[in-house]
Amino acid sequence: MRAQRLIWILWPSFIVAAAATGVFFTLFDPRELQLFGRELGWSRLAVYSVGFFVFWAFGAASSGLTCFFQRGSAEINRCPLPPAARPEGCPKREEPNATCQ
């Protein structure tokens, strides 16, 4: 399941990064970009590469937040401990006399 979610996050963000890189660098010349008022001094290939990975990171963050927020209440409220390891009085311990306190 974890590998499937990773694919759900990385593949769409890769496609978006490719499109965003194409659009961005069609409009802006890498040699004219500045960072904090100074020229970068990098080669065009380096600027294209860093730009692609920045766009990919933003796309992955967006897809990751989408996967995070689509979880159901059962998945969010699931107790990570096995029933026997849960503390005494825990309502999820699966004992017949378990009460909510």
PDB file of N, CA and C in Angstrom:
ATOM      1  N   MET A   1       0.823  -1.192   0.000  1.00  0.00           N
ATOM      2  CA  MET A   1       0.000   0.000   0.000  1.00  0.00           C
ATOM      3  C   MET A   1       0.870   1.260   0.000  1.00  0.00           C
ATOM      4  N   ARG A   2       1.989   1.203   0.707  1.00  0.00           N
ATOM      5  CA  ARG A   2       2.871   2.367   0.783  1.00  0.00           C
ATOM      6  C   ARG A   2       3.503   2.672  -0.574  1.00  0.00           C
ATOM      7  N   ALA A   3       3.882   1.627  -1.301  1.00  0.00           N
ATOM      8  CA  ALA A   3       4.464   1.824  -2.627  1.00  0.00           C
ATOM      9  C   ALA A   3       3.426   2.404  -3.582  1.00  0.00           C
ATOM     10  N   GLN A   4       2.184   1.969  -3.447  1.00  0.00           N
ATOM     11  CA  GLN A   4       1.120   2.482  -4.300  1.00  0.00           C
ATOM     12  C   GLN A   4       0.902   3.978  -4.037  1.00  0.00           C
ATOM     13  N   ARG A   5       0.898   4.373  -2.785  1.00  0.00           N
ATOM     14  CA  ARG A   5       0.749   5.798  -2.467  1.00  0.00           C
ATOM     15  C   ARG A   5       1.916   6.614  -2.985  1.00  0.00           C
ATOM     16  N   LEU A   6       3.104   6.045  -2.905  1.00  0.00           N
ATOM     17  CA  LEU A   6       4.278   6.740  -3.427  1.00  0.00           C
ATOM     18  C   LEU A   6       4.146   6.970  -4.937  1.00  0.00           C
ATOM     19  N   ILE A   7       3.629   5.980  -5.637  1.00  0.00           N
ATOM     20  CA  ILE A   7       3.383   6.132  -7.071  1.00  0.00           C
ATOM     21  C   ILE A   7       2.314   7.194  -7.307  1.00  0.00           C
ATOM     22  N   TRP A   8       1.250   7.193  -6.500  1.00  0.00           N
ATOM     23  CA  TRP A   8       0.182   8.193  -6.628  1.00  0.00           C
ATOM     24  C   TRP A   8       0.726   9.606  -6.440  1.00  0.00           C
ATOM     25  N   ILE A   9       1.757   9.749  -5.644  1.00  0.00           N
ATOM     26  CA  ILE A   9       2.317  11.072  -5.365  1.00  0.00           C
ATOM     27  C   ILE A   9       3.364  11.463  -6.410  1.00  0.00           C
ATOM     28  N   LEU A  10       4.303  10.565  -6.705  1.00  0.00           N
ATOM     29  CA  LEU A  10       5.444  10.935  -7.540  1.00  0.00           C
ATOM     30  C   LEU A  10       5.142  10.998  -9.037  1.00  0.00           C
ATOM     31  N   TRP A  11       4.279  10.115  -9.545  1.00  0.00           N
ATOM     32  CA  TRP A  11       4.038  10.114 -10.984  1.00  0.00           C
ATOM     33  C   TRP A  11       3.289  11.363 -11.442  1.00  0.00           C
ATOM     34  N   PRO A  12       2.157  11.745 -10.841  1.00  0.00           N
ATOM     35  CA  PRO A  12       1.500  12.976 -11.295  1.00  0.00           C
ATOM     36  C   PRO A  12       2.367  14.217 -11.091  1.00  0.00           C
ATOM     37  N   SER A  13       3.124  14.248 -10.006  1.00  0.00           N
ATOM     38  CA  SER A  13       3.976  15.421  -9.781  1.00  0.00           C
ATOM     39  C   SER A  13       5.106  15.488 -10.806  1.00  0.00           C
ATOM     40  N   PHE A  14       5.579  14.342 -11.289  1.00  0.00           N
ATOM     41  CA  PHE A  14       6.590  14.315 -12.349  1.00  0.00           C
ATOM     42  C   PHE A  14       6.027  14.915 -13.632  1.00  0.00           C
ATOM     43  N   ILE A  15       4.813  14.531 -13.990  1.00  0.00           N
ATOM     44  CA  ILE A  15       4.172  15.045 -15.210  1.00  0.00           C
ATOM     45  C   ILE A  15       3.961  16.556 -15.088  1.00  0.00           C
ATOM     46  N   VAL A  16       3.477  17.006 -13.928  1.00  0.00           N
ATOM     47  CA  VAL A  16       3.259  18.435 -13.716  1.00  0.00           C
ATOM     48  C   VAL A  16       4.582  19.185 -13.762  1.00  0.00           C
ATOM     49  N   ALA A  17       5.629  18.614 -13.189  1.00  0.00           N
ATOM     50  CA  ALA A  17       6.946  19.267 -13.203  1.00  0.00           C
ATOM     51  C   ALA A  17       7.470  19.410 -14.629  1.00  0.00           C
ATOM     52  N   ALA A  18       7.266  18.398 -15.454  1.00  0.00           N
ATOM     53  CA  ALA A  18       7.719  18.482 -16.846  1.00  0.00           C
ATOM     54  C   ALA A  18       6.977  19.599 -17.577  1.00  0.00           C
ATOM     55  N   ALA A  19       5.667  19.665 -17.380  1.00  0.00           N
ATOM     56  CA  ALA A  19       4.885  20.715 -18.042  1.00  0.00           C
ATOM     57  C   ALA A  19       5.255  22.103 -17.498  1.00  0.00           C
ATOM     58  N   ALA A  20       5.388  22.216 -16.183  1.00  0.00           N
ATOM     59  CA  ALA A  20       5.715  23.506 -15.571  1.00  0.00           C
ATOM     60  C   ALA A  20       7.099  23.980 -15.994  1.00  0.00           C
ATOM     61  N   THR A  21       8.046  23.075 -16.110  1.00  0.00           N
ATOM     62  CA  THR A  21       9.385  23.448 -16.560  1.00  0.00           C
ATOM     63  C   THR A  21       9.339  23.965 -17.993  1.00  0.00           C
ATOM     64  N   GLY A  22       8.591  23.273 -18.831  1.00  0.00           N
ATOM     65  CA  GLY A  22       8.460  23.719 -20.208  1.00  0.00           C
ATOM     66  C   GLY A  22       7.834  25.097 -20.325  1.00  0.00           C
ATOM     67  N   VAL A  23       6.760  25.324 -19.582  1.00  0.00           N
ATOM     68  CA  VAL A  23       6.084  26.617 -19.636  1.00  0.00           C
ATOM     69  C   VAL A  23       6.962  27.718 -19.037  1.00  0.00           C
ATOM     70  N   PHE A  24       7.535  27.461 -17.868  1.00  0.00           N
ATOM     71  CA  PHE A  24       8.337  28.477 -17.189  1.00  0.00           C
ATOM     72  C   PHE A  24       9.527  28.910 -18.032  1.00  0.00           C
ATOM     73  N   PHE A  25      10.270  27.936 -18.560  1.00  0.00           N
ATOM     74  CA  PHE A  25      11.479  28.291 -19.299  1.00  0.00           C
ATOM     75  C   PHE A  25      11.182  28.697 -20.739  1.00  0.00           C
ATOM     76  N   THR A  26       9.954  28.577 -21.178  1.00  0.00           N
ATOM     77  CA  THR A  26       9.556  29.198 -22.431  1.00  0.00           C
ATOM     78  C   THR A  26       9.400  30.698 -22.232  1.00  0.00           C
ATOM     79  N   LEU A  27       8.963  31.081 -21.050  1.00  0.00           N
ATOM     80  CA  LEU A  27       8.737  32.496 -20.749  1.00  0.00           C
ATOM     81  C   LEU A  27       9.979  33.213 -20.222  1.00  0.00           C
ATOM     82  N   PHE A  28      10.857  32.490 -19.512  1.00  0.00           N
ATOM     83  CA  PHE A  28      12.013  33.108 -18.866  1.00  0.00           C
ATOM     84  C   PHE A  28      13.307  32.449 -19.334  1.00  0.00           C
ATOM     85  N   ASP A  29      14.304  33.275 -19.611  1.00  0.00           N
ATOM     86  CA  ASP A  29      15.619  32.772 -20.008  1.00  0.00           C
ATOM     87  C   ASP A  29      16.415  32.437 -18.745  1.00  0.00           C
ATOM     88  N   PRO A  30      16.984  31.242 -18.659  1.00  0.00           N
ATOM     89  CA  PRO A  30      17.742  30.866 -17.463  1.00  0.00           C
ATOM     90  C   PRO A  30      18.935  31.780 -17.173  1.00  0.00           C
ATOM     91  N   ARG A  31      19.520  32.368 -18.189  1.00  0.00           N
ATOM     92  CA  ARG A  31      20.676  33.246 -17.978  1.00  0.00           C
ATOM     93  C   ARG A  31      20.286  34.580 -17.350  1.00  0.00           C
ATOM     94  N   GLU A  32      19.017  34.949 -17.435  1.00  0.00           N
ATOM     95  CA  GLU A  32      18.574  36.233 -16.898  1.00  0.00           C
ATOM     96  C   GLU A  32      17.955  36.116 -15.505  1.00  0.00           C
ATOM     97  N   LEU A  33      17.843  34.916 -14.964  1.00  0.00           N
ATOM     98  CA  LEU A  33      17.256  34.741 -13.632  1.00  0.00           C
ATOM     99  C   LEU A  33      18.209  35.250 -12.562  1.00  0.00           C
ATOM    100  N   GLN A  34      17.642  35.843 -11.538  1.00  0.00           N
ATOM    101  CA  GLN A  34      18.433  36.354 -10.423  1.00  0.00           C
ATOM    102  C   GLN A  34      17.885  35.791  -9.117  1.00  0.00           C
ATOM    103  N   LEU A  35      18.761  35.647  -8.144  1.00  0.00           N
ATOM    104  CA  LEU A  35      18.389  35.188  -6.816  1.00  0.00           C
ATOM    105  C   LEU A  35      18.891  36.217  -5.817  1.00  0.00           C
ATOM    106  N   PHE A  36      17.972  36.881  -5.124  1.00  0.00           N
ATOM    107  CA  PHE A  36      18.296  37.943  -4.176  1.00  0.00           C
ATOM    108  C   PHE A  36      19.094  39.067  -4.826  1.00  0.00           C
ATOM    109  N   GLY A  37      18.731  39.404  -6.070  1.00  0.00           N
ATOM    110  CA  GLY A  37      19.356  40.526  -6.758  1.00  0.00           C
ATOM    111  C   GLY A  37      20.683  40.213  -7.429  1.00  0.00           C
ATOM    112  N   ARG A  38      21.126  38.965  -7.367  1.00  0.00           N
ATOM    113  CA  ARG A  38      22.395  38.577  -7.988  1.00  0.00           C
ATOM    114  C   ARG A  38      22.148  37.526  -9.053  1.00  0.00           C
ATOM    115  N   GLU A  39      22.971  37.571 -10.085  1.00  0.00           N
ATOM    116  CA  GLU A  39      22.871  36.545 -11.115  1.00  0.00           C
ATOM    117  C   GLU A  39      23.303  35.201 -10.547  1.00  0.00           C
ATOM    118  N   LEU A  40      22.699  34.157 -11.064  1.00  0.00           N
ATOM    119  CA  LEU A  40      23.019  32.820 -10.556  1.00  0.00           C
ATOM    120  C   LEU A  40      24.415  32.363 -10.970  1.00  0.00           C
ATOM    121  N   GLY A  41      24.776  32.623 -12.214  1.00  0.00           N
ATOM    122  CA  GLY A  41      26.091  32.188 -12.682  1.00  0.00           C
ATOM    123  C   GLY A  41      26.149  30.704 -12.987  1.00  0.00           C
ATOM    124  N   TRP A  42      25.008  30.057 -13.131  1.00  0.00           N
ATOM    125  CA  TRP A  42      24.961  28.626 -13.434  1.00  0.00           C
ATOM    126  C   TRP A  42      24.767  28.436 -14.931  1.00  0.00           C
ATOM    127  N   SER A  43      25.078  27.257 -15.408  1.00  0.00           N
ATOM    128  CA  SER A  43      24.819  26.940 -16.811  1.00  0.00           C
ATOM    129  C   SER A  43      23.306  26.770 -17.014  1.00  0.00           C
ATOM    130  N   ARG A  44      22.894  26.843 -18.252  1.00  0.00           N
ATOM    131  CA  ARG A  44      21.464  26.671 -18.544  1.00  0.00           C
ATOM    132  C   ARG A  44      20.982  25.294 -18.118  1.00  0.00           C
ATOM    133  N   LEU A  45      21.785  24.277 -18.368  1.00  0.00           N
ATOM    134  CA  LEU A  45      21.391  22.915 -17.994  1.00  0.00           C
ATOM    135  C   LEU A  45      21.203  22.794 -16.488  1.00  0.00           C
ATOM    136  N   ALA A  46      22.070  23.432 -15.722  1.00  0.00           N
ATOM    137  CA  ALA A  46      21.935  23.387 -14.261  1.00  0.00           C
ATOM    138  C   ALA A  46      20.652  24.085 -13.813  1.00  0.00           C
ATOM    139  N   VAL A  47      20.335  25.222 -14.421  1.00  0.00           N
ATOM    140  CA  VAL A  47      19.114  25.948 -14.057  1.00  0.00           C
ATOM    141  C   VAL A  47      17.888  25.136 -14.446  1.00  0.00           C
ATOM    142  N   TYR A  48      17.908  24.515 -15.632  1.00  0.00           N
ATOM    143  CA  TYR A  48      16.790  23.660 -16.051  1.00  0.00           C
ATOM    144  C   TYR A  48      16.603  22.502 -15.070  1.00  0.00           C
ATOM    145  N   SER A  49      17.697  21.884 -14.678  1.00  0.00           N
ATOM    146  CA  SER A  49      17.623  20.731 -13.773  1.00  0.00           C
ATOM    147  C   SER A  49      17.090  21.117 -12.399  1.00  0.00           C
ATOM    148  N   VAL A  50      17.649  22.180 -11.825  1.00  0.00           N
ATOM    149  CA  VAL A  50      17.184  22.628 -10.509  1.00  0.00           C
ATOM    150  C   VAL A  50      15.728  23.074 -10.589  1.00  0.00           C
ATOM    151  N   GLY A  51      15.381  23.781 -11.661  1.00  0.00           N
ATOM    152  CA  GLY A  51      13.994  24.212 -11.837  1.00  0.00           C
ATOM    153  C   GLY A  51      13.044  23.036 -11.913  1.00  0.00           C
ATOM    154  N   PHE A  52      13.428  21.995 -12.661  1.00  0.00           N
ATOM    155  CA  PHE A  52      12.591  20.804 -12.757  1.00  0.00           C
ATOM    156  C   PHE A  52      12.378  20.169 -11.387  1.00  0.00           C
ATOM    157  N   PHE A  53      13.453  20.004 -10.626  1.00  0.00           N
ATOM    158  CA  PHE A  53      13.316  19.355  -9.320  1.00  0.00           C
ATOM    159  C   PHE A  53      12.538  20.221  -8.328  1.00  0.00           C
ATOM    160  N   VAL A  54      12.633  21.531  -8.438  1.00  0.00           N
ATOM    161  CA  VAL A  54      11.823  22.405  -7.580  1.00  0.00           C
ATOM    162  C   VAL A  54      10.347  22.257  -7.929  1.00  0.00           C
ATOM    163  N   PHE A  55      10.028  22.261  -9.231  1.00  0.00           N
ATOM    164  CA  PHE A  55       8.641  22.057  -9.645  1.00  0.00           C
ATOM    165  C   PHE A  55       8.145  20.671  -9.229  1.00  0.00           C
ATOM    166  N   TRP A  56       9.014  19.675  -9.317  1.00  0.00           N
ATOM    167  CA  TRP A  56       8.634  18.311  -8.916  1.00  0.00           C
ATOM    168  C   TRP A  56       8.356  18.266  -7.412  1.00  0.00           C
ATOM    169  N   ALA A  57       9.170  18.952  -6.627  1.00  0.00           N
ATOM    170  CA  ALA A  57       8.956  18.977  -5.171  1.00  0.00           C
ATOM    171  C   ALA A  57       7.622  19.649  -4.823  1.00  0.00           C
ATOM    172  N   PHE A  58       7.306  20.762  -5.506  1.00  0.00           N
ATOM    173  CA  PHE A  58       6.024  21.416  -5.254  1.00  0.00           C
ATOM    174  C   PHE A  58       4.853  20.518  -5.666  1.00  0.00           C
ATOM    175  N   GLY A  59       4.985  19.843  -6.801  1.00  0.00           N
ATOM    176  CA  GLY A  59       3.941  18.922  -7.239  1.00  0.00           C
ATOM    177  C   GLY A  59       3.787  17.748  -6.290  1.00  0.00           C
ATOM    178  N   ALA A  60       4.906  17.222  -5.789  1.00  0.00           N
ATOM    179  CA  ALA A  60       4.851  16.102  -4.844  1.00  0.00           C
ATOM    180  C   ALA A  60       4.214  16.538  -3.523  1.00  0.00           C
ATOM    181  N   ALA A  61       4.513  17.755  -3.090  1.00  0.00           N
ATOM    182  CA  ALA A  61       3.892  18.259  -1.864  1.00  0.00           C
ATOM    183  C   ALA A  61       2.383  18.385  -2.041  1.00  0.00           C
ATOM    184  N   SER A  62       1.959  18.861  -3.189  1.00  0.00           N
ATOM    185  CA  SER A  62       0.527  18.983  -3.463  1.00  0.00           C
ATOM    186  C   SER A  62      -0.151  17.611  -3.506  1.00  0.00           C
ATOM    187  N   SER A  63       0.447  16.666  -4.214  1.00  0.00           N
ATOM    188  CA  SER A  63      -0.130  15.315  -4.291  1.00  0.00           C
ATOM    189  C   SER A  63      -0.089  14.618  -2.935  1.00  0.00           C
ATOM    190  N   GLY A  64       0.988  14.837  -2.184  1.00  0.00           N
ATOM    191  CA  GLY A  64       1.089  14.236  -0.855  1.00  0.00           C
ATOM    192  C   GLY A  64       0.027  14.760   0.099  1.00  0.00           C
ATOM    193  N   LEU A  65      -0.227  16.061   0.044  1.00  0.00           N
ATOM    194  CA  LEU A  65      -1.289  16.624   0.888  1.00  0.00           C
ATOM    195  C   LEU A  65      -2.656  16.094   0.475  1.00  0.00           C
ATOM    196  N   THR A  66      -2.858  15.897  -0.822  1.00  0.00           N
ATOM    197  CA  THR A  66      -4.120  15.320  -1.279  1.00  0.00           C
ATOM    198  C   THR A  66      -4.302  13.918  -0.720  1.00  0.00           C
ATOM    199  N   CYS A  67      -3.263  13.092  -0.779  1.00  0.00           N
ATOM    200  CA  CYS A  67      -3.348  11.735  -0.214  1.00  0.00           C
ATOM    201  C   CYS A  67      -3.546  11.779   1.297  1.00  0.00           C
ATOM    202  N   PHE A  68      -2.893  12.721   1.950  1.00  0.00           N
ATOM    203  CA  PHE A  68      -3.027  12.833   3.404  1.00  0.00           C
ATOM    204  C   PHE A  68      -4.455  13.202   3.805  1.00  0.00           C
ATOM    205  N   PHE A  69      -5.054  14.158   3.089  1.00  0.00           N
ATOM    206  CA  PHE A  69      -6.377  14.640   3.470  1.00  0.00           C
ATOM    207  C   PHE A  69      -7.512  13.747   2.995  1.00  0.00           C
ATOM    208  N   GLN A  70      -7.245  12.768   2.148  1.00  0.00           N
ATOM    209  CA  GLN A  70      -8.312  11.890   1.693  1.00  0.00           C
ATOM    210  C   GLN A  70      -8.515  10.676   2.604  1.00  0.00           C
ATOM    211  N   ARG A  71      -7.709  10.557   3.638  1.00  0.00           N
ATOM    212  CA  ARG A  71      -7.858   9.427   4.550  1.00  0.00           C
ATOM    213  C   ARG A  71      -9.194   9.495   5.272  1.00  0.00           C
ATOM    214  N   GLY A  72      -9.764   8.326   5.542  1.00  0.00           N
ATOM    215  CA  GLY A  72     -11.032   8.248   6.250  1.00  0.00           C
ATOM    216  C   GLY A  72     -10.824   8.286   7.752  1.00  0.00           C
ATOM    217  N   SER A  73     -11.930   8.460   8.476  1.00  0.00           N
ATOM    218  CA  SER A  73     -11.839   8.546   9.934  1.00  0.00           C
ATOM    219  C   SER A  73     -11.357   7.237  10.553  1.00  0.00           C
ATOM    220  N   ALA A  74     -11.705   6.103   9.955  1.00  0.00           N
ATOM    221  CA  ALA A  74     -11.258   4.816  10.499  1.00  0.00           C
ATOM    222  C   ALA A  74      -9.739   4.686  10.411  1.00  0.00           C
ATOM    223  N   GLU A  75      -9.168   5.179   9.335  1.00  0.00           N
ATOM    224  CA  GLU A  75      -7.717   5.106   9.178  1.00  0.00           C
ATOM    225  C   GLU A  75      -7.006   6.075  10.121  1.00  0.00           C
ATOM    226  N   ILE A  76      -7.587   7.246  10.321  1.00  0.00           N
ATOM    227  CA  ILE A  76      -6.977   8.244  11.197  1.00  0.00           C
ATOM    228  C   ILE A  76      -7.052   7.818  12.656  1.00  0.00           C
ATOM    229  N   ASN A  77      -8.174   7.257  13.074  1.00  0.00           N
ATOM    230  CA  ASN A  77      -8.388   6.910  14.474  1.00  0.00           C
ATOM    231  C   ASN A  77      -7.934   5.502  14.832  1.00  0.00           C
ATOM    232  N   ARG A  78      -7.331   4.800  13.918  1.00  0.00           N
ATOM    233  CA  ARG A  78      -6.865   3.437  14.171  1.00  0.00           C
ATOM    234  C   ARG A  78      -5.731   3.469  15.199  1.00  0.00           C
ATOM    235  N   CYS A  79      -5.824   2.591  16.170  1.00  0.00           N
ATOM    236  CA  CYS A  79      -4.794   2.515  17.212  1.00  0.00           C
ATOM    237  C   CYS A  79      -3.603   1.719  16.676  1.00  0.00           C
ATOM    238  N   PRO A  80      -2.383   2.229  16.803  1.00  0.00           N
ATOM    239  CA  PRO A  80      -1.222   1.521  16.269  1.00  0.00           C
ATOM    240  C   PRO A  80      -0.766   0.341  17.125  1.00  0.00           C
ATOM    241  N   LEU A  81      -1.267   0.246  18.358  1.00  0.00           N
ATOM    242  CA  LEU A  81      -0.846  -0.831  19.255  1.00  0.00           C
ATOM    243  C   LEU A  81      -1.729  -2.052  19.082  1.00  0.00           C
ATOM    244  N   PRO A  82      -1.157  -3.255  19.203  1.00  0.00           N
ATOM    245  CA  PRO A  82      -2.004  -4.451  19.190  1.00  0.00           C
ATOM    246  C   PRO A  82      -2.873  -4.468  20.448  1.00  0.00           C
ATOM    247  N   PRO A  83      -4.036  -5.139  20.408  1.00  0.00           N
ATOM    248  CA  PRO A  83      -4.959  -5.102  21.551  1.00  0.00           C
ATOM    249  C   PRO A  83      -4.319  -5.477  22.890  1.00  0.00           C
ATOM    250  N   ALA A  84      -3.434  -6.458  22.909  1.00  0.00           N
ATOM    251  CA  ALA A  84      -2.834  -6.889  24.175  1.00  0.00           C
ATOM    252  C   ALA A  84      -1.870  -5.839  24.741  1.00  0.00           C
ATOM    253  N   ALA A  85      -1.306  -4.997  23.903  1.00  0.00           N
ATOM    254  CA  ALA A  85      -0.325  -4.006  24.356  1.00  0.00           C
ATOM    255  C   ALA A  85      -0.967  -2.679  24.738  1.00  0.00           C
ATOM    256  N   ARG A  86      -2.267  -2.564  24.562  1.00  0.00           N
ATOM    257  CA  ARG A  86      -2.940  -1.308  24.902  1.00  0.00           C
ATOM    258  C   ARG A  86      -3.068  -1.178  26.412  1.00  0.00           C
ATOM    259  N   PRO A  87      -3.021   0.032  26.953  1.00  0.00           N
ATOM    260  CA  PRO A  87      -3.053   0.213  28.408  1.00  0.00           C
ATOM    261  C   PRO A  87      -4.404  -0.187  28.997  1.00  0.00           C
ATOM    262  N   GLU A  88      -4.375  -0.469  30.289  1.00  0.00           N
ATOM    263  CA  GLU A  88      -5.607  -0.816  31.011  1.00  0.00           C
ATOM    264  C   GLU A  88      -6.596   0.337  30.908  1.00  0.00           C
ATOM    265  N   GLY A  89      -7.849   0.015  30.707  1.00  0.00           N
ATOM    266  CA  GLY A  89      -8.888   1.029  30.632  1.00  0.00           C
ATOM    267  C   GLY A  89      -9.060   1.622  29.250  1.00  0.00           C
ATOM    268  N   CYS A  90      -8.267   1.185  28.298  1.00  0.00           N
ATOM    269  CA  CYS A  90      -8.392   1.691  26.932  1.00  0.00           C
ATOM    270  C   CYS A  90      -9.677   1.136  26.325  1.00  0.00           C
ATOM    271  N   PRO A  91     -10.538   1.990  25.771  1.00  0.00           N
ATOM    272  CA  PRO A  91     -11.785   1.487  25.212  1.00  0.00           C
ATOM    273  C   PRO A  91     -11.583   0.604  23.979  1.00  0.00           C
ATOM    274  N   LYS A  92     -10.427   0.622  23.402  1.00  0.00           N
ATOM    275  CA  LYS A  92     -10.165  -0.188  22.222  1.00  0.00           C
ATOM    276  C   LYS A  92      -9.391  -1.459  22.545  1.00  0.00           C
ATOM    277  N   ARG A  93      -9.325  -1.824  23.811  1.00  0.00           N
ATOM    278  CA  ARG A  93      -8.543  -2.983  24.214  1.00  0.00           C
ATOM    279  C   ARG A  93      -9.229  -4.295  23.887  1.00  0.00           C
ATOM    280  N   GLU A  94     -10.482  -4.272  23.536  1.00  0.00           N
ATOM    281  CA  GLU A  94     -11.277  -5.445  23.169  1.00  0.00           C
ATOM    282  C   GLU A  94     -11.493  -6.379  24.352  1.00  0.00           C
ATOM    283  N   GLU A  95     -11.708  -5.822  25.511  1.00  0.00           N
ATOM    284  CA  GLU A  95     -12.111  -6.607  26.678  1.00  0.00           C
ATOM    285  C   GLU A  95     -13.614  -6.438  26.857  1.00  0.00           C
ATOM    286  N   PRO A  96     -14.294  -7.442  27.405  1.00  0.00           N
ATOM    287  CA  PRO A  96     -15.740  -7.296  27.572  1.00  0.00           C
ATOM    288  C   PRO A  96     -16.111  -6.176  28.539  1.00  0.00           C
ATOM    289  N   ASN A  97     -15.277  -5.867  29.514  1.00  0.00           N
ATOM    290  CA  ASN A  97     -15.593  -4.843  30.506  1.00  0.00           C
ATOM    291  C   ASN A  97     -14.962  -3.486  30.197  1.00  0.00           C
ATOM    292  N   ALA A  98     -14.433  -3.315  28.983  1.00  0.00           N
ATOM    293  CA  ALA A  98     -13.783  -2.047  28.635  1.00  0.00           C
ATOM    294  C   ALA A  98     -14.803  -0.929  28.572  1.00  0.00           C
ATOM    295  N   THR A  99     -14.509   0.150  29.253  1.00  0.00           N
ATOM    296  CA  THR A  99     -15.420   1.315  29.250  1.00  0.00           C
ATOM    297  C   THR A  99     -14.641   2.539  28.824  1.00  0.00           C
ATOM    298  N   CYS A 100     -15.354   3.518  28.326  1.00  0.00           N
ATOM    299  CA  CYS A 100     -14.732   4.799  27.975  1.00  0.00           C
ATOM    300  C   CYS A 100     -14.636   5.645  29.219  1.00  0.00           C
ATOM    301  N   GLN A 101     -13.459   6.059  29.586  1.00  0.00           N
ATOM    302  CA  GLN A 101     -13.287   6.886  30.795  1.00  0.00           C
ATOM    303  C   GLN A 101     -12.653   8.186  30.447  1.00  0.00           C
TER     304      GLN A 101
END
